[in-house]
Amino acid sequence: MKKDKKTYNYCIPSPMASFMKKIDDRTQMEASLLSMFFF
C-alpha cells in the first residue's frame, strides 16, 4: 500500500480516503497513529 506524505493514496473506498484526509488536515500525528491502527 502506497502512502504519500501530503495526501492519502490508499486503494480503499473514497469515503475512507476522505476521512483519512480530513484527519490529516487536522493533525499529522493523529493521522499517523490512526493509519497504524487501521492498516
N, C-alpha and C. Protein backbone atom coordinates (compact mmCIF):
# COMPACT_ATOMS: atom_id res chain seq x y z
N MET A 1 0.85 -1.20 0.00
CA MET A 1 0.00 0.00 0.00
C MET A 1 0.88 1.25 0.00
N LYS A 2 0.53 2.18 -0.87
CA LYS A 2 1.36 3.38 -1.03
C LYS A 2 0.78 4.54 -0.22
N LYS A 3 1.65 5.25 0.50
CA LYS A 3 1.18 6.39 1.29
C LYS A 3 2.03 7.62 1.02
N ASP A 4 1.38 8.69 0.60
CA ASP A 4 2.09 9.94 0.37
C ASP A 4 2.10 10.77 1.66
N LYS A 5 3.07 11.67 1.78
CA LYS A 5 3.17 12.49 2.98
C LYS A 5 1.99 13.46 3.08
N LYS A 6 1.64 14.08 1.95
CA LYS A 6 0.63 15.14 1.97
C LYS A 6 -0.78 14.58 1.81
N THR A 7 -0.96 13.66 0.84
CA THR A 7 -2.29 13.11 0.59
C THR A 7 -2.29 11.60 0.73
N TYR A 8 -3.41 11.06 1.15
CA TYR A 8 -3.52 9.62 1.33
C TYR A 8 -3.99 8.97 0.03
N ASN A 9 -3.12 8.15 -0.54
CA ASN A 9 -3.46 7.47 -1.80
C ASN A 9 -3.59 5.97 -1.55
N TYR A 10 -4.56 5.61 -0.71
CA TYR A 10 -4.77 4.19 -0.43
C TYR A 10 -5.71 3.59 -1.47
N CYS A 11 -5.59 2.31 -1.69
CA CYS A 11 -6.53 1.61 -2.56
C CYS A 11 -7.74 1.19 -1.72
N ILE A 12 -8.53 2.19 -1.33
CA ILE A 12 -9.68 1.98 -0.46
C ILE A 12 -10.83 2.83 -0.96
N PRO A 13 -12.04 2.56 -0.48
CA PRO A 13 -13.20 3.36 -0.86
C PRO A 13 -12.98 4.85 -0.56
N SER A 14 -13.52 5.71 -1.40
CA SER A 14 -13.31 7.15 -1.26
C SER A 14 -13.77 7.73 0.07
N PRO A 15 -14.88 7.25 0.68
CA PRO A 15 -15.27 7.80 1.98
C PRO A 15 -14.17 7.66 3.02
N MET A 16 -13.53 6.49 3.03
CA MET A 16 -12.46 6.26 3.99
C MET A 16 -11.26 7.15 3.67
N ALA A 17 -10.98 7.31 2.37
CA ALA A 17 -9.85 8.14 1.95
C ALA A 17 -10.07 9.60 2.36
N SER A 18 -11.28 10.10 2.13
CA SER A 18 -11.59 11.48 2.51
C SER A 18 -11.56 11.64 4.02
N PHE A 19 -11.97 10.58 4.74
CA PHE A 19 -11.93 10.58 6.20
C PHE A 19 -10.49 10.72 6.70
N MET A 20 -9.60 9.93 6.09
CA MET A 20 -8.19 9.99 6.48
C MET A 20 -7.59 11.35 6.12
N LYS A 21 -8.01 11.90 4.98
CA LYS A 21 -7.50 13.21 4.55
C LYS A 21 -7.95 14.30 5.52
N LYS A 22 -9.20 14.18 5.99
CA LYS A 22 -9.73 15.16 6.94
C LYS A 22 -8.92 15.14 8.23
N ILE A 23 -8.58 13.92 8.67
CA ILE A 23 -7.78 13.78 9.87
C ILE A 23 -6.38 14.35 9.65
N ASP A 24 -5.84 14.12 8.45
CA ASP A 24 -4.51 14.61 8.13
C ASP A 24 -4.48 16.14 8.14
N ASP A 25 -5.57 16.74 7.68
CA ASP A 25 -5.67 18.20 7.70
C ASP A 25 -5.68 18.71 9.14
N ARG A 26 -6.29 17.95 10.02
CA ARG A 26 -6.35 18.34 11.43
C ARG A 26 -4.99 18.19 12.10
N THR A 27 -4.54 16.95 12.23
CA THR A 27 -3.28 16.70 12.93
C THR A 27 -2.52 15.57 12.25
N GLN A 28 -1.29 15.86 11.87
CA GLN A 28 -0.47 14.86 11.18
C GLN A 28 -0.20 13.67 12.09
N MET A 29 0.02 13.95 13.36
CA MET A 29 0.34 12.88 14.30
C MET A 29 -0.85 11.95 14.49
N GLU A 30 -2.03 12.50 14.64
CA GLU A 30 -3.23 11.69 14.80
C GLU A 30 -3.45 10.81 13.58
N ALA A 31 -3.22 11.37 12.42
CA ALA A 31 -3.38 10.61 11.18
C ALA A 31 -2.41 9.44 11.14
N SER A 32 -1.19 9.69 11.58
CA SER A 32 -0.18 8.62 11.58
C SER A 32 -0.59 7.51 12.53
N LEU A 33 -1.08 7.89 13.70
CA LEU A 33 -1.49 6.89 14.69
C LEU A 33 -2.68 6.08 14.18
N LEU A 34 -3.65 6.78 13.60
CA LEU A 34 -4.84 6.09 13.10
C LEU A 34 -4.49 5.17 11.95
N SER A 35 -3.59 5.61 11.08
CA SER A 35 -3.20 4.77 9.95
C SER A 35 -2.48 3.52 10.45
N MET A 36 -1.77 3.65 11.56
CA MET A 36 -1.11 2.49 12.15
C MET A 36 -2.14 1.49 12.67
N PHE A 37 -3.21 2.02 13.27
CA PHE A 37 -4.26 1.15 13.80
C PHE A 37 -5.07 0.50 12.68
N PHE A 38 -5.45 1.31 11.68
CA PHE A 38 -6.33 0.82 10.63
C PHE A 38 -5.60 -0.08 9.65
N PHE A 39 -4.31 0.20 9.42
CA PHE A 39 -3.59 -0.58 8.41
C PHE A 39 -2.46 -1.31 9.08
